[in-house]
Amino acid sequence: MCRVLNVSKSCYYSWLFNGSNVYRIGVKLYKLVKEIFKKSKRTYGTIRIKEEIEDDYGVIVSRKRIAKIMKYYNLKANLLIQVIQIIIMK
């Protein structure tokens, strides 16, 4: 299989046992998004989560990538809570 894919055996086994970098980064990013989402009491959307990640952790991530993560893991901002908080603040 390594000959067909033109990959060395060491690279293949390294990838097999360690996983790909993209997958590991995705898992870490999901944990960050989930943590911020829970900390905000399910009120932050993609824009606020993006700002929080960039400000607090210094990681630059696109809003669309955060949206894909939130959609995949079914993390939806609760708009009713946001509206009530805005009304109370006024």
PDB file of N, CA and C in Angstrom:
ATOM      1  N   MET A   1       0.827  -1.192   0.000  1.00  0.00           N
ATOM      2  CA  MET A   1       0.000   0.000   0.000  1.00  0.00           C
ATOM      3  C   MET A   1       0.875   1.260   0.000  1.00  0.00           C
ATOM      4  N   CYS A   2       1.979   1.237   0.711  1.00  0.00           N
ATOM      5  CA  CYS A   2       2.862   2.408   0.772  1.00  0.00           C
ATOM      6  C   CYS A   2       3.432   2.730  -0.605  1.00  0.00           C
ATOM      7  N   ARG A   3       3.757   1.688  -1.388  1.00  0.00           N
ATOM      8  CA  ARG A   3       4.284   1.922  -2.736  1.00  0.00           C
ATOM      9  C   ARG A   3       3.233   2.570  -3.628  1.00  0.00           C
ATOM     10  N   VAL A   4       1.996   2.121  -3.513  1.00  0.00           N
ATOM     11  CA  VAL A   4       0.915   2.657  -4.344  1.00  0.00           C
ATOM     12  C   VAL A   4       0.688   4.132  -4.025  1.00  0.00           C
ATOM     13  N   LEU A   5       0.716   4.479  -2.735  1.00  0.00           N
ATOM     14  CA  LEU A   5       0.480   5.865  -2.311  1.00  0.00           C
ATOM     15  C   LEU A   5       1.739   6.717  -2.355  1.00  0.00           C
ATOM     16  N   ASN A   6       2.877   6.085  -2.639  1.00  0.00           N
ATOM     17  CA  ASN A   6       4.164   6.772  -2.709  1.00  0.00           C
ATOM     18  C   ASN A   6       4.508   7.458  -1.378  1.00  0.00           C
ATOM     19  N   VAL A   7       4.356   6.674  -0.296  1.00  0.00           N
ATOM     20  CA  VAL A   7       4.616   7.157   1.057  1.00  0.00           C
ATOM     21  C   VAL A   7       5.595   6.192   1.722  1.00  0.00           C
ATOM     22  N   SER A   8       6.525   6.726   2.491  1.00  0.00           N
ATOM     23  CA  SER A   8       7.461   5.849   3.185  1.00  0.00           C
ATOM     24  C   SER A   8       6.749   5.111   4.323  1.00  0.00           C
ATOM     25  N   LYS A   9       7.293   3.964   4.687  1.00  0.00           N
ATOM     26  CA  LYS A   9       6.689   3.159   5.751  1.00  0.00           C
ATOM     27  C   LYS A   9       6.690   3.906   7.081  1.00  0.00           C
ATOM     28  N   SER A  10       7.771   4.616   7.366  1.00  0.00           N
ATOM     29  CA  SER A  10       7.853   5.329   8.644  1.00  0.00           C
ATOM     30  C   SER A  10       6.781   6.419   8.741  1.00  0.00           C
ATOM     31  N   CYS A  11       6.541   7.116   7.638  1.00  0.00           N
ATOM     32  CA  CYS A  11       5.489   8.153   7.649  1.00  0.00           C
ATOM     33  C   CYS A  11       4.119   7.533   7.844  1.00  0.00           C
ATOM     34  N   TYR A  12       3.880   6.413   7.165  1.00  0.00           N
ATOM     35  CA  TYR A  12       2.585   5.748   7.285  1.00  0.00           C
ATOM     36  C   TYR A  12       2.332   5.300   8.723  1.00  0.00           C
ATOM     37  N   TYR A  13       3.316   4.634   9.331  1.00  0.00           N
ATOM     38  CA  TYR A  13       3.113   4.150  10.693  1.00  0.00           C
ATOM     39  C   TYR A  13       3.054   5.299  11.700  1.00  0.00           C
ATOM     40  N   SER A  14       3.790   6.350  11.446  1.00  0.00           N
ATOM     41  CA  SER A  14       3.702   7.533  12.306  1.00  0.00           C
ATOM     42  C   SER A  14       2.301   8.116  12.262  1.00  0.00           C
ATOM     43  N   TRP A  15       1.758   8.232  11.063  1.00  0.00           N
ATOM     44  CA  TRP A  15       0.393   8.750  10.907  1.00  0.00           C
ATOM     45  C   TRP A  15      -0.623   7.805  11.542  1.00  0.00           C
ATOM     46  N   LEU A  16      -0.410   6.498  11.367  1.00  0.00           N
ATOM     47  CA  LEU A  16      -1.337   5.501  11.888  1.00  0.00           C
ATOM     48  C   LEU A  16      -1.417   5.533  13.408  1.00  0.00           C
ATOM     49  N   PHE A  17      -0.271   5.654  14.076  1.00  0.00           N
ATOM     50  CA  PHE A  17      -0.251   5.614  15.532  1.00  0.00           C
ATOM     51  C   PHE A  17      -0.478   6.968  16.195  1.00  0.00           C
ATOM     52  N   ASN A  18      -0.078   8.042  15.542  1.00  0.00           N
ATOM     53  CA  ASN A  18      -0.205   9.374  16.140  1.00  0.00           C
ATOM     54  C   ASN A  18      -1.416  10.148  15.655  1.00  0.00           C
ATOM     55  N   GLY A  19      -1.996   9.740  14.571  1.00  0.00           N
ATOM     56  CA  GLY A  19      -3.127  10.479  14.013  1.00  0.00           C
ATOM     57  C   GLY A  19      -2.638  11.681  13.220  1.00  0.00           C
ATOM     58  N   SER A  20      -3.533  12.267  12.506  1.00  0.00           N
ATOM     59  CA  SER A  20      -3.133  13.419  11.697  1.00  0.00           C
ATOM     60  C   SER A  20      -3.177  14.696  12.530  1.00  0.00           C
ATOM     61  N   ASN A  21      -2.375  15.664  12.156  1.00  0.00           N
ATOM     62  CA  ASN A  21      -2.335  16.944  12.866  1.00  0.00           C
ATOM     63  C   ASN A  21      -3.659  17.684  12.754  1.00  0.00           C
ATOM     64  N   VAL A  22      -4.282  17.606  11.593  1.00  0.00           N
ATOM     65  CA  VAL A  22      -5.552  18.300  11.379  1.00  0.00           C
ATOM     66  C   VAL A  22      -6.606  17.784  12.348  1.00  0.00           C
ATOM     67  N   TYR A  23      -6.660  16.469  12.546  1.00  0.00           N
ATOM     68  CA  TYR A  23      -7.635  15.884  13.463  1.00  0.00           C
ATOM     69  C   TYR A  23      -7.373  16.341  14.897  1.00  0.00           C
ATOM     70  N   ARG A  24      -6.096  16.328  15.308  1.00  0.00           N
ATOM     71  CA  ARG A  24      -5.767  16.732  16.681  1.00  0.00           C
ATOM     72  C   ARG A  24      -6.094  18.200  16.925  1.00  0.00           C
ATOM     73  N   ILE A  25      -5.823  19.052  15.946  1.00  0.00           N
ATOM     74  CA  ILE A  25      -6.145  20.470  16.083  1.00  0.00           C
ATOM     75  C   ILE A  25      -7.653  20.660  16.149  1.00  0.00           C
ATOM     76  N   GLY A  26      -8.389  19.893  15.353  1.00  0.00           N
ATOM     77  CA  GLY A  26      -9.846  19.974  15.368  1.00  0.00           C
ATOM     78  C   GLY A  26     -10.430  19.594  16.716  1.00  0.00           C
ATOM     79  N   VAL A  27      -9.876  18.571  17.340  1.00  0.00           N
ATOM     80  CA  VAL A  27     -10.348  18.136  18.657  1.00  0.00           C
ATOM     81  C   VAL A  27     -10.078  19.216  19.702  1.00  0.00           C
ATOM     82  N   LYS A  28      -8.881  19.805  19.656  1.00  0.00           N
ATOM     83  CA  LYS A  28      -8.550  20.871  20.610  1.00  0.00           C
ATOM     84  C   LYS A  28      -9.441  22.094  20.399  1.00  0.00           C
ATOM     85  N   LEU A  29      -9.702  22.407  19.135  1.00  0.00           N
ATOM     86  CA  LEU A  29     -10.553  23.552  18.831  1.00  0.00           C
ATOM     87  C   LEU A  29     -11.985  23.296  19.303  1.00  0.00           C
ATOM     88  N   TYR A  30     -12.462  22.057  19.138  1.00  0.00           N
ATOM     89  CA  TYR A  30     -13.801  21.715  19.621  1.00  0.00           C
ATOM     90  C   TYR A  30     -13.886  21.899  21.133  1.00  0.00           C
ATOM     91  N   LYS A  31     -12.860  21.472  21.848  1.00  0.00           N
ATOM     92  CA  LYS A  31     -12.870  21.624  23.303  1.00  0.00           C
ATOM     93  C   LYS A  31     -12.905  23.097  23.699  1.00  0.00           C
ATOM     94  N   LEU A  32     -12.159  23.932  22.965  1.00  0.00           N
ATOM     95  CA  LEU A  32     -12.174  25.371  23.235  1.00  0.00           C
ATOM     96  C   LEU A  32     -13.546  25.970  22.982  1.00  0.00           C
ATOM     97  N   VAL A  33     -14.134  25.624  21.842  1.00  0.00           N
ATOM     98  CA  VAL A  33     -15.456  26.150  21.478  1.00  0.00           C
ATOM     99  C   VAL A  33     -16.489  25.712  22.506  1.00  0.00           C
ATOM    100  N   LYS A  34     -16.442  24.456  22.900  1.00  0.00           N
ATOM    101  CA  LYS A  34     -17.403  23.933  23.874  1.00  0.00           C
ATOM    102  C   LYS A  34     -17.245  24.623  25.229  1.00  0.00           C
ATOM    103  N   GLU A  35     -16.003  24.839  25.647  1.00  0.00           N
ATOM    104  CA  GLU A  35     -15.740  25.497  26.926  1.00  0.00           C
ATOM    105  C   GLU A  35     -16.283  26.933  26.926  1.00  0.00           C
ATOM    106  N   ILE A  36     -16.005  27.668  25.871  1.00  0.00           N
ATOM    107  CA  ILE A  36     -16.483  29.058  25.774  1.00  0.00           C
ATOM    108  C   ILE A  36     -17.995  29.091  25.682  1.00  0.00           C
ATOM    109  N   PHE A  37     -18.570  28.155  24.939  1.00  0.00           N
ATOM    110  CA  PHE A  37     -20.020  28.099  24.774  1.00  0.00           C
ATOM    111  C   PHE A  37     -20.705  27.832  26.115  1.00  0.00           C
ATOM    112  N   LYS A  38     -20.167  26.895  26.893  1.00  0.00           N
ATOM    113  CA  LYS A  38     -20.756  26.607  28.205  1.00  0.00           C
ATOM    114  C   LYS A  38     -20.558  27.765  29.177  1.00  0.00           C
ATOM    115  N   LYS A  39     -19.373  28.408  29.100  1.00  0.00           N
ATOM    116  CA  LYS A  39     -19.082  29.532  29.984  1.00  0.00           C
ATOM    117  C   LYS A  39     -20.035  30.700  29.726  1.00  0.00           C
ATOM    118  N   SER A  40     -20.471  30.836  28.478  1.00  0.00           N
ATOM    119  CA  SER A  40     -21.382  31.929  28.121  1.00  0.00           C
ATOM    120  C   SER A  40     -22.844  31.578  28.390  1.00  0.00           C
ATOM    121  N   LYS A  41     -23.083  30.428  28.993  1.00  0.00           N
ATOM    122  CA  LYS A  41     -24.437  29.947  29.285  1.00  0.00           C
ATOM    123  C   LYS A  41     -25.263  29.807  28.002  1.00  0.00           C
ATOM    124  N   ARG A  42     -24.619  29.271  26.968  1.00  0.00           N
ATOM    125  CA  ARG A  42     -25.243  28.957  25.680  1.00  0.00           C
ATOM    126  C   ARG A  42     -25.780  30.195  24.957  1.00  0.00           C
ATOM    127  N   THR A  43     -25.171  31.359  25.161  1.00  0.00           N
ATOM    128  CA  THR A  43     -25.655  32.569  24.500  1.00  0.00           C
ATOM    129  C   THR A  43     -24.724  33.055  23.396  1.00  0.00           C
ATOM    130  N   TYR A  44     -23.465  32.626  23.375  1.00  0.00           N
ATOM    131  CA  TYR A  44     -22.524  33.102  22.364  1.00  0.00           C
ATOM    132  C   TYR A  44     -22.715  32.367  21.048  1.00  0.00           C
ATOM    133  N   GLY A  45     -22.667  33.109  19.970  1.00  0.00           N
ATOM    134  CA  GLY A  45     -22.681  32.538  18.629  1.00  0.00           C
ATOM    135  C   GLY A  45     -21.272  32.494  18.073  1.00  0.00           C
ATOM    136  N   THR A  46     -21.166  32.319  16.776  1.00  0.00           N
ATOM    137  CA  THR A  46     -19.856  32.141  16.155  1.00  0.00           C
ATOM    138  C   THR A  46     -18.984  33.394  16.256  1.00  0.00           C
ATOM    139  N   ILE A  47     -19.586  34.558  16.109  1.00  0.00           N
ATOM    140  CA  ILE A  47     -18.800  35.795  16.124  1.00  0.00           C
ATOM    141  C   ILE A  47     -18.165  36.024  17.491  1.00  0.00           C
ATOM    142  N   ARG A  48     -18.952  35.876  18.546  1.00  0.00           N
ATOM    143  CA  ARG A  48     -18.428  36.091  19.894  1.00  0.00           C
ATOM    144  C   ARG A  48     -17.412  35.023  20.283  1.00  0.00           C
ATOM    145  N   ILE A  49     -17.674  33.774  19.889  1.00  0.00           N
ATOM    146  CA  ILE A  49     -16.728  32.704  20.200  1.00  0.00           C
ATOM    147  C   ILE A  49     -15.414  32.950  19.478  1.00  0.00           C
ATOM    148  N   LYS A  50     -15.480  33.389  18.218  1.00  0.00           N
ATOM    149  CA  LYS A  50     -14.273  33.714  17.456  1.00  0.00           C
ATOM    150  C   LYS A  50     -13.475  34.810  18.150  1.00  0.00           C
ATOM    151  N   GLU A  51     -14.142  35.873  18.578  1.00  0.00           N
ATOM    152  CA  GLU A  51     -13.463  36.962  19.275  1.00  0.00           C
ATOM    153  C   GLU A  51     -12.825  36.484  20.570  1.00  0.00           C
ATOM    154  N   GLU A  52     -13.542  35.645  21.304  1.00  0.00           N
ATOM    155  CA  GLU A  52     -13.038  35.123  22.579  1.00  0.00           C
ATOM    156  C   GLU A  52     -11.789  34.262  22.364  1.00  0.00           C
ATOM    157  N   ILE A  53     -11.809  33.402  21.351  1.00  0.00           N
ATOM    158  CA  ILE A  53     -10.655  32.543  21.068  1.00  0.00           C
ATOM    159  C   ILE A  53      -9.455  33.394  20.667  1.00  0.00           C
ATOM    160  N   GLU A  54      -9.690  34.401  19.823  1.00  0.00           N
ATOM    161  CA  GLU A  54      -8.581  35.243  19.376  1.00  0.00           C
ATOM    162  C   GLU A  54      -8.023  36.099  20.507  1.00  0.00           C
ATOM    163  N   ASP A  55      -8.896  36.666  21.336  1.00  0.00           N
ATOM    164  CA  ASP A  55      -8.450  37.542  22.416  1.00  0.00           C
ATOM    165  C   ASP A  55      -7.768  36.774  23.545  1.00  0.00           C
ATOM    166  N   ASP A  56      -8.392  35.701  23.999  1.00  0.00           N
ATOM    167  CA  ASP A  56      -7.885  34.982  25.172  1.00  0.00           C
ATOM    168  C   ASP A  56      -6.771  33.992  24.851  1.00  0.00           C
ATOM    169  N   TYR A  57      -6.880  33.309  23.705  1.00  0.00           N
ATOM    170  CA  TYR A  57      -5.939  32.239  23.406  1.00  0.00           C
ATOM    171  C   TYR A  57      -4.965  32.576  22.276  1.00  0.00           C
ATOM    172  N   GLY A  58      -5.209  33.650  21.555  1.00  0.00           N
ATOM    173  CA  GLY A  58      -4.314  34.064  20.480  1.00  0.00           C
ATOM    174  C   GLY A  58      -4.343  33.165  19.265  1.00  0.00           C
ATOM    175  N   VAL A  59      -5.404  32.390  19.107  1.00  0.00           N
ATOM    176  CA  VAL A  59      -5.535  31.474  17.976  1.00  0.00           C
ATOM    177  C   VAL A  59      -6.450  32.117  16.940  1.00  0.00           C
ATOM    178  N   ILE A  60      -6.009  32.146  15.698  1.00  0.00           N
ATOM    179  CA  ILE A  60      -6.826  32.726  14.635  1.00  0.00           C
ATOM    180  C   ILE A  60      -7.587  31.605  13.946  1.00  0.00           C
ATOM    181  N   VAL A  61      -8.905  31.690  13.996  1.00  0.00           N
ATOM    182  CA  VAL A  61      -9.784  30.685  13.413  1.00  0.00           C
ATOM    183  C   VAL A  61     -10.878  31.411  12.653  1.00  0.00           C
ATOM    184  N   SER A  62     -11.313  30.841  11.542  1.00  0.00           N
ATOM    185  CA  SER A  62     -12.383  31.485  10.787  1.00  0.00           C
ATOM    186  C   SER A  62     -13.727  31.240  11.469  1.00  0.00           C
ATOM    187  N   ARG A  63     -14.629  32.163  11.264  1.00  0.00           N
ATOM    188  CA  ARG A  63     -15.967  32.048  11.829  1.00  0.00           C
ATOM    189  C   ARG A  63     -16.690  30.844  11.235  1.00  0.00           C
ATOM    190  N   LYS A  64     -16.433  30.568   9.957  1.00  0.00           N
ATOM    191  CA  LYS A  64     -17.096  29.432   9.297  1.00  0.00           C
ATOM    192  C   LYS A  64     -16.649  28.098   9.894  1.00  0.00           C
ATOM    193  N   ARG A  65     -15.388  28.005  10.280  1.00  0.00           N
ATOM    194  CA  ARG A  65     -14.915  26.765  10.897  1.00  0.00           C
ATOM    195  C   ARG A  65     -15.587  26.561  12.251  1.00  0.00           C
ATOM    196  N   ILE A  66     -15.736  27.631  13.002  1.00  0.00           N
ATOM    197  CA  ILE A  66     -16.433  27.548  14.285  1.00  0.00           C
ATOM    198  C   ILE A  66     -17.889  27.159  14.057  1.00  0.00           C
ATOM    199  N   ALA A  67     -18.507  27.720  13.022  1.00  0.00           N
ATOM    200  CA  ALA A  67     -19.896  27.389  12.704  1.00  0.00           C
ATOM    201  C   ALA A  67     -20.043  25.914  12.345  1.00  0.00           C
ATOM    202  N   LYS A  68     -19.086  25.374  11.603  1.00  0.00           N
ATOM    203  CA  LYS A  68     -19.136  23.956  11.246  1.00  0.00           C
ATOM    204  C   LYS A  68     -19.008  23.077  12.482  1.00  0.00           C
ATOM    205  N   ILE A  69     -18.122  23.461  13.391  1.00  0.00           N
ATOM    206  CA  ILE A  69     -17.955  22.697  14.633  1.00  0.00           C
ATOM    207  C   ILE A  69     -19.230  22.745  15.449  1.00  0.00           C
ATOM    208  N   MET A  70     -19.819  23.937  15.570  1.00  0.00           N
ATOM    209  CA  MET A  70     -21.042  24.081  16.356  1.00  0.00           C
ATOM    210  C   MET A  70     -22.189  23.292  15.731  1.00  0.00           C
ATOM    211  N   LYS A  71     -22.275  23.302  14.418  1.00  0.00           N
ATOM    212  CA  LYS A  71     -23.337  22.566  13.738  1.00  0.00           C
ATOM    213  C   LYS A  71     -23.141  21.062  13.906  1.00  0.00           C
ATOM    214  N   TYR A  72     -21.903  20.585  13.754  1.00  0.00           N
ATOM    215  CA  TYR A  72     -21.617  19.160  13.857  1.00  0.00           C
ATOM    216  C   TYR A  72     -21.946  18.624  15.251  1.00  0.00           C
ATOM    217  N   TYR A  73     -21.626  19.397  16.283  1.00  0.00           N
ATOM    218  CA  TYR A  73     -21.862  18.956  17.659  1.00  0.00           C
ATOM    219  C   TYR A  73     -23.165  19.498  18.233  1.00  0.00           C
ATOM    220  N   ASN A  74     -23.983  20.104  17.386  1.00  0.00           N
ATOM    221  CA  ASN A  74     -25.317  20.592  17.761  1.00  0.00           C
ATOM    222  C   ASN A  74     -25.263  21.603  18.913  1.00  0.00           C
ATOM    223  N   LEU A  75     -24.360  22.562  18.817  1.00  0.00           N
ATOM    224  CA  LEU A  75     -24.263  23.640  19.796  1.00  0.00           C
ATOM    225  C   LEU A  75     -24.985  24.855  19.227  1.00  0.00           C
ATOM    226  N   LYS A  76     -26.147  25.156  19.762  1.00  0.00           N
ATOM    227  CA  LYS A  76     -26.950  26.265  19.255  1.00  0.00           C
ATOM    228  C   LYS A  76     -27.136  27.309  20.340  1.00  0.00           C
ATOM    229  N   ALA A  77     -26.903  28.557  19.962  1.00  0.00           N
ATOM    230  CA  ALA A  77     -27.078  29.646  20.921  1.00  0.00           C
ATOM    231  C   ALA A  77     -28.559  29.826  21.216  1.00  0.00           C
ATOM    232  N   ASN A  78     -28.846  30.087  22.469  1.00  0.00           N
ATOM    233  CA  ASN A  78     -30.220  30.277  22.899  1.00  0.00           C
ATOM    234  C   ASN A  78     -30.573  31.760  22.764  1.00  0.00           C
ATOM    235  N   LEU A  79     -31.298  32.108  21.718  1.00  0.00           N
ATOM    236  CA  LEU A  79     -31.608  33.506  21.433  1.00  0.00           C
ATOM    237  C   LEU A  79     -32.554  34.115  22.453  1.00  0.00           C
ATOM    238  N   LEU A  80     -33.433  33.321  23.026  1.00  0.00           N
ATOM    239  CA  LEU A  80     -34.399  33.836  24.001  1.00  0.00           C
ATOM    240  C   LEU A  80     -33.676  34.421  25.211  1.00  0.00           C
ATOM    241  N   ILE A  81     -32.649  33.750  25.674  1.00  0.00           N
ATOM    242  CA  ILE A  81     -31.884  34.249  26.818  1.00  0.00           C
ATOM    243  C   ILE A  81     -31.202  35.565  26.457  1.00  0.00           C
ATOM    244  N   GLN A  82     -30.671  35.665  25.232  1.00  0.00           N
ATOM    245  CA  GLN A  82     -30.016  36.893  24.799  1.00  0.00           C
ATOM    246  C   GLN A  82     -30.999  38.055  24.777  1.00  0.00           C
ATOM    247  N   VAL A  83     -32.202  37.824  24.254  1.00  0.00           N
ATOM    248  CA  VAL A  83     -33.211  38.884  24.172  1.00  0.00           C
ATOM    249  C   VAL A  83     -33.617  39.334  25.565  1.00  0.00           C
ATOM    250  N   ILE A  84     -33.821  38.399  26.470  1.00  0.00           N
ATOM    251  CA  ILE A  84     -34.218  38.737  27.836  1.00  0.00           C
ATOM    252  C   ILE A  84     -33.113  39.548  28.521  1.00  0.00           C
ATOM    253  N   GLN A  85     -31.854  39.167  28.325  1.00  0.00           N
ATOM    254  CA  GLN A  85     -30.748  39.896  28.936  1.00  0.00           C
ATOM    255  C   GLN A  85     -30.665  41.320  28.384  1.00  0.00           C
ATOM    256  N   ILE A  86     -30.921  41.503  27.110  1.00  0.00           N
ATOM    257  CA  ILE A  86     -30.889  42.845  26.517  1.00  0.00           C
ATOM    258  C   ILE A  86     -32.016  43.696  27.072  1.00  0.00           C
ATOM    259  N   ILE A  87     -33.201  43.125  27.211  1.00  0.00           N
ATOM    260  CA  ILE A  87     -34.349  43.861  27.751  1.00  0.00           C
ATOM    261  C   ILE A  87     -34.091  44.272  29.189  1.00  0.00           C
ATOM    262  N   ILE A  88     -33.534  43.391  30.002  1.00  0.00           N
ATOM    263  CA  ILE A  88     -33.263  43.677  31.405  1.00  0.00           C
ATOM    264  C   ILE A  88     -32.223  44.790  31.547  1.00  0.00           C
ATOM    265  N   MET A  89     -31.213  44.792  30.654  1.00  0.00           N
ATOM    266  CA  MET A  89     -30.153  45.800  30.725  1.00  0.00           C
ATOM    267  C   MET A  89     -30.665  47.191  30.398  1.00  0.00           C
ATOM    268  N   LYS A  90     -31.703  47.299  29.601  1.00  0.00           N
ATOM    269  CA  LYS A  90     -32.231  48.622  29.236  1.00  0.00           C
ATOM    270  C   LYS A  90     -33.043  49.155  30.345  1.00  0.00           C
TER     271      LYS A  90
END
